């Protein structure tokens, strides 16, 4: 059993040189792993982190661009609405001006028609007066001829009738 205890003690016991070699082995293993494994993994993680950061930056830039485009679109829509209102106002004003022109033309045409009608009435009135005057003069000549029993010259008679009519017009 002593052998067993010696073997157990050697197995479980602490040997100074073994401990130093273990630490040296651990340090060498750490340096080798650091050179071979840790640096490439860290580089890979760093490059992935850079890709993710770039994607976030690009997404943020796209979001800003979209917000700017939205603001420009809203501004253009506002200007388009104002422009359409201006066009509509101009069209309404133009229609009103055209309406006024049409009314003015119609009024002028009506005034011209009325003036022509008045002139025509005046002309008809003169024509009727002349016809009545001719009939009255013919009757007057006939009556005067019958009364005087002589023939009266038509020119004299016309002058007498004109005189009579003028006197009648002044009294009326």
N, C-alpha and C. Protein backbone atom coordinates (compact mmCIF):
# COMPACT_ATOMS: atom_id res chain seq x y z
N UNK A 1 0.79 -1.14 0.00
CA UNK A 1 0.00 0.00 0.00
C UNK A 1 0.87 1.25 0.00
N UNK A 2 1.99 1.11 0.47
CA UNK A 2 2.92 2.22 0.43
C UNK A 2 3.23 2.62 -1.00
N UNK A 3 3.37 1.65 -1.82
CA UNK A 3 3.63 1.95 -3.22
C UNK A 3 2.46 2.73 -3.83
N UNK A 4 1.30 2.29 -3.38
CA UNK A 4 0.10 2.95 -3.88
C UNK A 4 0.06 4.38 -3.41
N UNK A 5 0.39 4.59 -2.13
CA UNK A 5 0.38 5.93 -1.58
C UNK A 5 1.48 6.78 -2.21
N UNK A 6 2.64 6.21 -2.45
CA UNK A 6 3.72 6.95 -3.11
C UNK A 6 3.31 7.33 -4.54
N UNK A 7 2.68 6.41 -5.20
CA UNK A 7 2.24 6.68 -6.57
C UNK A 7 1.14 7.73 -6.53
N UNK A 8 0.25 7.60 -5.53
CA UNK A 8 -0.84 8.57 -5.40
C UNK A 8 -0.28 9.92 -5.04
N UNK A 9 0.72 9.91 -4.12
CA UNK A 9 1.34 11.16 -3.71
C UNK A 9 2.08 11.78 -4.88
N UNK A 10 2.72 11.04 -5.71
CA UNK A 10 3.43 11.53 -6.89
C UNK A 10 2.44 12.06 -7.92
N UNK A 11 1.33 11.44 -7.97
CA UNK A 11 0.30 11.87 -8.92
C UNK A 11 -0.39 13.12 -8.42
N UNK A 12 -0.69 13.18 -7.15
CA UNK A 12 -1.43 14.28 -6.58
C UNK A 12 -0.47 15.34 -6.07
N UNK A 13 0.71 15.09 -5.83
CA UNK A 13 1.65 16.04 -5.26
C UNK A 13 2.05 17.12 -6.23
N UNK A 14 2.61 18.18 -5.71
CA UNK A 14 2.99 19.34 -6.51
C UNK A 14 4.50 19.30 -6.65
N UNK A 15 4.93 19.25 -7.90
CA UNK A 15 6.34 19.28 -8.19
C UNK A 15 6.61 20.64 -8.82
N UNK A 16 7.61 21.38 -8.30
CA UNK A 16 7.90 22.73 -8.73
C UNK A 16 8.24 22.78 -10.21
N UNK A 17 9.12 21.89 -10.68
CA UNK A 17 9.54 21.90 -12.08
C UNK A 17 8.39 21.52 -13.00
N UNK A 18 7.56 20.67 -12.56
CA UNK A 18 6.42 20.27 -13.39
C UNK A 18 5.47 21.45 -13.53
N UNK A 19 5.33 22.16 -12.46
CA UNK A 19 4.45 23.32 -12.49
C UNK A 19 5.01 24.40 -13.43
N UNK A 20 6.29 24.67 -13.41
CA UNK A 20 6.90 25.66 -14.30
C UNK A 20 6.75 25.22 -15.74
N UNK A 21 7.00 23.94 -16.07
CA UNK A 21 6.83 23.45 -17.44
C UNK A 21 5.37 23.54 -17.87
N UNK A 22 4.47 23.31 -16.95
CA UNK A 22 3.04 23.40 -17.28
C UNK A 22 2.68 24.84 -17.62
N UNK A 23 3.24 25.78 -16.82
CA UNK A 23 2.97 27.21 -17.10
C UNK A 23 3.60 27.64 -18.43
N UNK A 24 4.81 27.17 -18.67
CA UNK A 24 5.48 27.50 -19.93
C UNK A 24 4.69 26.91 -21.09
N UNK A 25 4.23 25.66 -20.95
CA UNK A 25 3.42 25.03 -22.00
C UNK A 25 2.12 25.81 -22.22
N UNK A 26 1.52 26.24 -21.14
CA UNK A 26 0.29 27.01 -21.23
C UNK A 26 0.54 28.35 -21.93
N UNK A 27 1.66 28.99 -21.60
CA UNK A 27 2.01 30.26 -22.25
C UNK A 27 2.28 30.05 -23.73
N UNK A 28 3.01 29.03 -24.09
CA UNK A 28 3.29 28.73 -25.50
C UNK A 28 2.00 28.42 -26.22
N UNK A 29 1.15 27.60 -25.61
CA UNK A 29 -0.14 27.26 -26.21
C UNK A 29 -0.98 28.52 -26.43
N UNK A 30 -0.98 29.43 -25.44
CA UNK A 30 -1.73 30.69 -25.57
C UNK A 30 -1.20 31.52 -26.72
N UNK A 31 0.15 31.66 -26.82
CA UNK A 31 0.75 32.46 -27.88
C UNK A 31 0.48 31.85 -29.25
N UNK A 32 0.58 30.52 -29.35
CA UNK A 32 0.32 29.84 -30.63
C UNK A 32 -1.15 30.01 -31.01
N UNK A 33 -2.04 29.77 -30.05
CA UNK A 33 -3.46 29.91 -30.35
C UNK A 33 -3.81 31.36 -30.70
N UNK A 34 -3.15 32.27 -29.98
CA UNK A 34 -3.41 33.69 -30.27
C UNK A 34 -2.99 34.02 -31.69
N UNK A 35 -1.83 33.54 -32.12
CA UNK A 35 -1.32 33.81 -33.45
C UNK A 35 -2.15 33.10 -34.50
N UNK A 36 -2.47 31.85 -34.28
CA UNK A 36 -3.14 31.04 -35.29
C UNK A 36 -4.66 31.21 -35.25
N UNK A 37 -5.25 31.27 -34.09
CA UNK A 37 -6.70 31.22 -33.98
C UNK A 37 -7.34 32.55 -33.59
N UNK A 38 -6.86 33.19 -32.57
CA UNK A 38 -7.53 34.39 -32.06
C UNK A 38 -7.48 35.56 -33.04
N UNK A 39 -6.31 35.87 -33.63
CA UNK A 39 -6.20 37.00 -34.54
C UNK A 39 -7.09 36.82 -35.77
N UNK A 40 -7.08 35.66 -36.46
CA UNK A 40 -7.98 35.52 -37.62
C UNK A 40 -9.47 35.61 -37.23
N UNK A 41 -9.79 35.03 -36.08
CA UNK A 41 -11.19 35.10 -35.65
C UNK A 41 -11.55 36.55 -35.32
N UNK A 42 -10.64 37.25 -34.63
CA UNK A 42 -10.89 38.66 -34.31
C UNK A 42 -11.00 39.49 -35.58
N UNK A 43 -10.10 39.23 -36.55
CA UNK A 43 -10.18 39.94 -37.83
C UNK A 43 -11.51 39.66 -38.54
N UNK A 44 -11.93 38.40 -38.52
CA UNK A 44 -13.20 38.03 -39.15
C UNK A 44 -14.36 38.72 -38.44
N UNK A 45 -14.34 38.73 -37.12
CA UNK A 45 -15.40 39.40 -36.35
C UNK A 45 -15.38 40.90 -36.63
N UNK A 46 -14.17 41.49 -36.67
CA UNK A 46 -14.06 42.92 -36.97
C UNK A 46 -14.61 43.24 -38.37
N UNK A 47 -14.25 42.40 -39.36
CA UNK A 47 -14.74 42.66 -40.72
C UNK A 47 -16.26 42.50 -40.78
N UNK A 48 -16.82 41.53 -40.08
CA UNK A 48 -18.28 41.38 -40.04
C UNK A 48 -18.92 42.58 -39.36
N UNK A 49 -18.30 43.03 -38.27
CA UNK A 49 -18.83 44.21 -37.56
C UNK A 49 -18.79 45.43 -38.47
N UNK A 50 -17.71 45.55 -39.26
CA UNK A 50 -17.60 46.67 -40.20
C UNK A 50 -18.70 46.57 -41.26
N UNK A 51 -18.95 45.36 -41.78
CA UNK A 51 -20.03 45.17 -42.76
C UNK A 51 -21.39 45.56 -42.17
N UNK A 52 -21.63 45.14 -40.93
CA UNK A 52 -22.89 45.47 -40.27
C UNK A 52 -22.99 46.97 -40.07
N UNK A 53 -21.90 47.61 -39.62
CA UNK A 53 -21.90 49.06 -39.43
C UNK A 53 -22.14 49.78 -40.76
N UNK A 54 -21.49 49.29 -41.82
CA UNK A 54 -21.69 49.88 -43.15
C UNK A 54 -23.15 49.74 -43.59
N UNK A 55 -23.73 48.57 -43.31
CA UNK A 55 -25.14 48.36 -43.68
C UNK A 55 -26.04 49.33 -42.92
N UNK A 56 -25.77 49.52 -41.63
CA UNK A 56 -26.55 50.47 -40.84
C UNK A 56 -26.38 51.91 -41.36
N UNK A 57 -25.12 52.25 -41.68
CA UNK A 57 -24.87 53.59 -42.23
C UNK A 57 -25.60 53.79 -43.56
N UNK A 58 -25.54 52.77 -44.40
CA UNK A 58 -26.23 52.84 -45.70
C UNK A 58 -27.74 52.93 -45.50
N UNK A 59 -28.28 52.17 -44.57
CA UNK A 59 -29.71 52.23 -44.29
C UNK A 59 -30.10 53.61 -43.76
N UNK A 60 -29.29 54.18 -42.90
CA UNK A 60 -29.56 55.51 -42.36
C UNK A 60 -29.49 56.55 -43.48
N UNK A 61 -28.49 56.40 -44.34
CA UNK A 61 -28.37 57.32 -45.48
C UNK A 61 -29.59 57.20 -46.40
N UNK A 62 -30.01 55.98 -46.66
CA UNK A 62 -31.21 55.76 -47.49
C UNK A 62 -32.44 56.36 -46.83
N UNK A 63 -32.55 56.21 -45.52
CA UNK A 63 -33.69 56.78 -44.80
C UNK A 63 -33.69 58.31 -44.90
N UNK A 64 -32.51 58.91 -44.75
CA UNK A 64 -32.41 60.38 -44.89
C UNK A 64 -32.76 60.82 -46.31
N UNK A 65 -32.25 60.07 -47.30
CA UNK A 65 -32.57 60.39 -48.69
C UNK A 65 -34.07 60.28 -48.94
N UNK A 66 -34.67 59.23 -48.40
CA UNK A 66 -36.12 59.04 -48.57
C UNK A 66 -36.89 60.17 -47.90
N UNK A 67 -36.45 60.58 -46.73
CA UNK A 67 -37.12 61.68 -46.03
C UNK A 67 -36.97 62.97 -46.83
N UNK A 68 -35.78 63.20 -47.39
CA UNK A 68 -35.56 64.40 -48.20
C UNK A 68 -36.42 64.35 -49.47
N UNK A 69 -36.48 63.19 -50.11
CA UNK A 69 -37.31 63.05 -51.31
C UNK A 69 -38.79 63.25 -50.98
N UNK A 70 -39.21 62.76 -49.82
CA UNK A 70 -40.59 62.94 -49.40
C UNK A 70 -40.88 64.43 -49.21
N UNK A 71 -39.95 65.13 -48.56
CA UNK A 71 -40.13 66.57 -48.34
C UNK A 71 -40.19 67.30 -49.67
N UNK A 72 -39.31 66.95 -50.61
CA UNK A 72 -39.33 67.57 -51.93
C UNK A 72 -40.64 67.28 -52.65
N UNK A 73 -41.10 66.03 -52.54
CA UNK A 73 -42.36 65.64 -53.18
C UNK A 73 -43.52 66.44 -52.60
N UNK A 74 -43.54 66.56 -51.27
CA UNK A 74 -44.62 67.33 -50.64
C UNK A 74 -44.55 68.80 -51.06
N UNK A 75 -43.35 69.34 -51.17
CA UNK A 75 -43.19 70.73 -51.62
C UNK A 75 -43.68 70.89 -53.06
N UNK A 76 -43.33 69.93 -53.90
CA UNK A 76 -43.78 69.98 -55.30
C UNK A 76 -45.29 69.86 -55.37
N UNK A 77 -45.86 69.00 -54.54
CA UNK A 77 -47.32 68.84 -54.54
C UNK A 77 -47.99 70.13 -54.09
N UNK A 78 -47.38 70.79 -53.10
CA UNK A 78 -47.92 72.06 -52.62
C UNK A 78 -47.89 73.09 -53.74
N UNK A 79 -46.74 73.16 -54.44
CA UNK A 79 -46.62 74.11 -55.56
C UNK A 79 -47.58 73.73 -56.68
N UNK A 80 -47.76 72.44 -56.91
CA UNK A 80 -48.68 72.00 -57.96
C UNK A 80 -50.11 72.40 -57.61
N UNK A 81 -50.48 72.27 -56.34
CA UNK A 81 -51.82 72.67 -55.92
C UNK A 81 -51.99 74.18 -56.08
N UNK A 82 -50.97 74.94 -55.68
CA UNK A 82 -51.05 76.40 -55.83
C UNK A 82 -51.14 76.78 -57.31
N UNK A 83 -50.35 76.09 -58.11
CA UNK A 83 -50.36 76.37 -59.55
C UNK A 83 -51.70 76.02 -60.17
N UNK A 84 -52.29 74.89 -59.75
CA UNK A 84 -53.60 74.51 -60.29
C UNK A 84 -54.66 75.51 -59.85
N UNK A 85 -54.55 76.02 -58.62
CA UNK A 85 -55.49 77.05 -58.17
C UNK A 85 -55.33 78.31 -59.00
N UNK A 86 -54.07 78.69 -59.29
CA UNK A 86 -53.82 79.88 -60.12
C UNK A 86 -54.40 79.68 -61.52
N UNK A 87 -54.17 78.51 -62.08
CA UNK A 87 -54.69 78.22 -63.43
C UNK A 87 -56.21 78.28 -63.41
N UNK A 88 -56.81 77.71 -62.38
CA UNK A 88 -58.26 77.72 -62.28
C UNK A 88 -58.78 79.14 -62.14
N UNK A 89 -58.11 79.95 -61.29
CA UNK A 89 -58.52 81.34 -61.13
C UNK A 89 -58.40 82.10 -62.45
N UNK A 90 -57.29 81.87 -63.17
CA UNK A 90 -57.10 82.54 -64.45
C UNK A 90 -58.19 82.12 -65.44
N UNK A 91 -58.51 80.82 -65.45
CA UNK A 91 -59.54 80.33 -66.37
C UNK A 91 -60.90 80.95 -66.03
N UNK A 92 -61.20 81.03 -64.73
CA UNK A 92 -62.48 81.63 -64.32
C UNK A 92 -62.51 83.09 -64.71
N UNK A 93 -61.40 83.80 -64.47
CA UNK A 93 -61.34 85.23 -64.82
C UNK A 93 -61.47 85.42 -66.33
N UNK A 94 -60.80 84.56 -67.09
CA UNK A 94 -60.87 84.63 -68.55
C UNK A 94 -62.30 84.38 -69.01
N UNK A 95 -62.96 83.41 -68.39
CA UNK A 95 -64.34 83.11 -68.74
C UNK A 95 -65.24 84.30 -68.39
N UNK A 96 -64.99 84.93 -67.25
CA UNK A 96 -65.78 86.10 -66.86
C UNK A 96 -65.57 87.25 -67.85
N UNK A 97 -64.31 87.46 -68.25
CA UNK A 97 -64.02 88.51 -69.23
C UNK A 97 -64.70 88.20 -70.56
N UNK A 98 -64.66 86.96 -70.96
CA UNK A 98 -65.31 86.56 -72.22
C UNK A 98 -66.82 86.75 -72.10
N UNK A 99 -67.37 86.41 -70.94
CA UNK A 99 -68.80 86.60 -70.71
C UNK A 99 -69.15 88.09 -70.81
N UNK A 100 -68.31 88.93 -70.20
CA UNK A 100 -68.55 90.37 -70.27
C UNK A 100 -68.46 90.88 -71.72
N UNK A 101 -67.47 90.35 -72.47
CA UNK A 101 -67.34 90.74 -73.87
C UNK A 101 -68.57 90.33 -74.66
N UNK A 102 -69.04 89.11 -74.43
CA UNK A 102 -70.22 88.61 -75.15
C UNK A 102 -71.43 89.46 -74.80
N UNK A 103 -71.59 89.77 -73.50
CA UNK A 103 -72.72 90.62 -73.09
C UNK A 103 -72.62 92.01 -73.71
N UNK A 104 -71.41 92.55 -73.74
CA UNK A 104 -71.23 93.88 -74.31
C UNK A 104 -71.54 93.84 -75.81
N UNK A 105 -71.05 92.80 -76.50
CA UNK A 105 -71.34 92.66 -77.93
C UNK A 105 -72.84 92.52 -78.16
N UNK A 106 -73.49 91.72 -77.31
CA UNK A 106 -74.94 91.53 -77.45
C UNK A 106 -75.67 92.85 -77.21
N UNK A 107 -75.24 93.60 -76.18
CA UNK A 107 -75.87 94.89 -75.91
C UNK A 107 -75.66 95.86 -77.07
N UNK A 108 -74.44 95.88 -77.61
CA UNK A 108 -74.17 96.75 -78.75
C UNK A 108 -75.01 96.35 -79.96
N UNK A 109 -75.10 95.04 -80.19
CA UNK A 109 -75.90 94.55 -81.31
C UNK A 109 -77.37 94.89 -81.10
N UNK A 110 -77.84 94.74 -79.87
CA UNK A 110 -79.24 95.08 -79.57
C UNK A 110 -79.46 96.57 -79.76
N UNK A 111 -78.47 97.38 -79.33
CA UNK A 111 -78.59 98.83 -79.49
C UNK A 111 -78.62 99.19 -80.97
N UNK A 112 -77.75 98.56 -81.76
CA UNK A 112 -77.75 98.83 -83.20
C UNK A 112 -79.06 98.40 -83.84
N UNK A 113 -79.56 97.24 -83.43
CA UNK A 113 -80.84 96.76 -83.97
C UNK A 113 -81.96 97.70 -83.58
N UNK A 114 -81.95 98.14 -82.33
CA UNK A 114 -82.98 99.08 -81.85
C UNK A 114 -82.89 100.40 -82.62
N UNK A 115 -81.66 100.87 -82.83
CA UNK A 115 -81.48 102.12 -83.57
C UNK A 115 -81.98 101.97 -85.00
N UNK A 116 -81.64 100.82 -85.63
CA UNK A 116 -82.13 100.58 -87.00
C UNK A 116 -83.64 100.52 -87.02
N UNK A 117 -84.21 99.87 -86.00
CA UNK A 117 -85.67 99.77 -85.94
C UNK A 117 -86.28 101.15 -85.77
N UNK A 118 -85.67 101.97 -84.90
CA UNK A 118 -86.17 103.34 -84.72
C UNK A 118 -86.06 104.14 -86.00
N UNK A 119 -84.91 103.99 -86.70
CA UNK A 119 -84.73 104.68 -87.97
C UNK A 119 -85.76 104.21 -88.99
N UNK A 120 -85.99 102.89 -88.98
CA UNK A 120 -86.96 102.34 -89.93
C UNK A 120 -88.37 102.84 -89.58
N UNK A 121 -88.67 102.90 -88.27
CA UNK A 121 -89.99 103.42 -87.86
C UNK A 121 -90.11 104.88 -88.28
N UNK A 122 -89.04 105.64 -88.07
CA UNK A 122 -89.05 107.06 -88.47
C UNK A 122 -89.25 107.19 -89.97
N UNK A 123 -88.54 106.33 -90.72
CA UNK A 123 -88.67 106.34 -92.18
C UNK A 123 -90.09 105.98 -92.60
N UNK A 124 -90.64 104.95 -91.97
CA UNK A 124 -92.02 104.54 -92.28
C UNK A 124 -92.99 105.65 -91.92
N UNK A 125 -92.70 106.31 -90.78
CA UNK A 125 -93.56 107.41 -90.35
C UNK A 125 -93.56 108.52 -91.40
N UNK A 126 -92.34 108.89 -91.87
CA UNK A 126 -92.23 109.92 -92.90
C UNK A 126 -92.94 109.49 -94.17
N UNK A 127 -92.75 108.21 -94.53
CA UNK A 127 -93.39 107.69 -95.74
C UNK A 127 -94.91 107.76 -95.60
N UNK A 128 -95.40 107.37 -94.40
CA UNK A 128 -96.84 107.40 -94.16
C UNK A 128 -97.36 108.83 -94.21
N UNK A 129 -96.58 109.76 -93.60
CA UNK A 129 -96.98 111.17 -93.62
C UNK A 129 -97.02 111.67 -95.06
N UNK A 130 -96.00 111.31 -95.83
CA UNK A 130 -95.96 111.73 -97.24
C UNK A 130 -97.14 111.15 -98.02
N UNK A 131 -97.45 109.88 -97.74
CA UNK A 131 -98.60 109.27 -98.43
C UNK A 131 -99.90 109.97 -98.03
N UNK A 132 -100.03 110.23 -96.72
CA UNK A 132 -101.23 110.92 -96.26
C UNK A 132 -101.28 112.31 -96.87
N UNK A 133 -100.12 112.97 -96.90
CA UNK A 133 -100.05 114.30 -97.47
C UNK A 133 -100.45 114.28 -98.95
N UNK A 134 -99.96 113.26 -99.68
CA UNK A 134 -100.32 113.15 -101.09
C UNK A 134 -101.82 112.91 -101.25
N UNK A 135 -102.36 112.03 -100.39
CA UNK A 135 -103.81 111.74 -100.49
C UNK A 135 -104.63 112.98 -100.11
N UNK A 136 -104.16 113.64 -99.03
CA UNK A 136 -104.88 114.84 -98.60
C UNK A 136 -104.79 115.91 -99.69
N UNK A 137 -103.61 116.05 -100.29
CA UNK A 137 -103.49 117.06 -101.34
C UNK A 137 -104.35 116.71 -102.54
N UNK A 138 -104.42 115.42 -102.87
CA UNK A 138 -105.29 115.02 -103.99
C UNK A 138 -106.74 115.32 -103.64
N UNK A 139 -107.12 115.00 -102.40
CA UNK A 139 -108.50 115.27 -101.98
C UNK A 139 -108.76 116.78 -101.94
N UNK A 140 -107.77 117.50 -101.42
CA UNK A 140 -107.95 118.94 -101.32
C UNK A 140 -108.06 119.56 -102.71
N UNK A 141 -107.27 119.08 -103.65
CA UNK A 141 -107.34 119.59 -105.02
C UNK A 141 -108.72 119.29 -105.59
N UNK A 142 -109.16 118.06 -105.33
CA UNK A 142 -110.49 117.68 -105.84
C UNK A 142 -111.58 118.54 -105.23
N UNK A 143 -111.48 118.76 -103.91
CA UNK A 143 -112.50 119.57 -103.23
C UNK A 143 -112.39 121.01 -103.69
N UNK A 144 -111.18 121.52 -103.74
CA UNK A 144 -111.00 122.90 -104.16
C UNK A 144 -111.49 123.09 -105.59
N UNK A 145 -111.21 122.12 -106.44
CA UNK A 145 -111.65 122.21 -107.83
C UNK A 145 -113.16 122.20 -107.89
N UNK A 146 -113.75 121.39 -107.05
CA UNK A 146 -115.21 121.33 -107.05
C UNK A 146 -115.77 122.63 -106.50
N UNK A 147 -115.12 123.20 -105.47
CA UNK A 147 -115.62 124.43 -104.87
C UNK A 147 -115.37 125.59 -105.83
N UNK A 148 -114.25 125.71 -106.34
CA UNK A 148 -113.92 126.84 -107.18
C UNK A 148 -114.37 126.57 -108.61
N UNK A 149 -114.55 125.46 -108.91
CA UNK A 149 -114.90 124.96 -110.22
C UNK A 149 -113.88 125.41 -111.23
N UNK A 150 -112.77 125.38 -110.81
CA UNK A 150 -111.70 125.61 -111.76
C UNK A 150 -110.53 124.72 -111.39
N UNK A 151 -109.62 124.62 -112.25
CA UNK A 151 -108.46 123.76 -112.02
C UNK A 151 -107.39 124.53 -111.29
N UNK A 152 -106.87 123.91 -110.23
CA UNK A 152 -105.80 124.55 -109.47
C UNK A 152 -104.51 123.83 -109.85
N UNK A 153 -103.52 124.62 -110.00
CA UNK A 153 -102.22 124.05 -110.36
C UNK A 153 -101.72 123.19 -109.21
N UNK A 154 -101.14 122.08 -109.54
CA UNK A 154 -100.69 121.13 -108.51
C UNK A 154 -99.56 121.73 -107.70
N UNK A 155 -98.70 122.49 -108.27
CA UNK A 155 -97.58 123.08 -107.53
C UNK A 155 -98.10 124.08 -106.53
N UNK A 156 -99.05 124.89 -106.93
CA UNK A 156 -99.64 125.85 -106.00
C UNK A 156 -100.33 125.13 -104.86
N UNK A 157 -101.06 124.08 -105.28
CA UNK A 157 -101.81 123.31 -104.30
C UNK A 157 -100.87 122.64 -103.30
N UNK A 158 -99.72 122.08 -103.78
CA UNK A 158 -98.75 121.41 -102.91
C UNK A 158 -98.16 122.40 -101.93
N UNK A 159 -97.89 123.61 -102.40
CA UNK A 159 -97.34 124.63 -101.51
C UNK A 159 -98.37 125.01 -100.47
N UNK A 160 -99.63 125.12 -100.84
CA UNK A 160 -100.69 125.44 -99.89
C UNK A 160 -100.82 124.32 -98.85
N UNK A 161 -100.78 123.12 -99.30
CA UNK A 161 -100.91 121.97 -98.38
C UNK A 161 -99.73 121.92 -97.43
N UNK A 162 -98.52 122.12 -97.95
CA UNK A 162 -97.33 122.11 -97.09
C UNK A 162 -97.46 123.19 -96.03
N UNK A 163 -97.93 124.34 -96.44
CA UNK A 163 -98.18 125.44 -95.50
C UNK A 163 -99.17 125.01 -94.44
N UNK A 164 -100.25 124.40 -94.88
CA UNK A 164 -101.31 123.95 -93.97
C UNK A 164 -100.77 122.92 -92.98
N UNK A 165 -99.99 121.99 -93.49
CA UNK A 165 -99.45 120.92 -92.64
C UNK A 165 -98.47 121.52 -91.63
N UNK A 166 -97.65 122.44 -92.07
CA UNK A 166 -96.70 123.09 -91.15
C UNK A 166 -97.43 123.81 -90.06
N UNK A 167 -98.49 124.48 -90.42
CA UNK A 167 -99.29 125.20 -89.42
C UNK A 167 -99.94 124.20 -88.46
N UNK A 168 -100.38 123.08 -88.98
CA UNK A 168 -100.97 122.04 -88.15
C UNK A 168 -99.92 121.41 -87.22
N UNK A 169 -98.70 121.21 -87.73
CA UNK A 169 -97.63 120.63 -86.92
C UNK A 169 -97.22 121.58 -85.81
N UNK A 170 -97.28 122.87 -86.05
CA UNK A 170 -96.89 123.84 -85.02
C UNK A 170 -97.94 123.89 -83.93
N UNK A 171 -99.18 123.67 -84.27
CA UNK A 171 -100.26 123.73 -83.27
C UNK A 171 -100.33 122.43 -82.49
N UNK A 172 -99.87 121.38 -83.07
CA UNK A 172 -99.96 120.08 -82.39
C UNK A 172 -98.88 119.94 -81.45
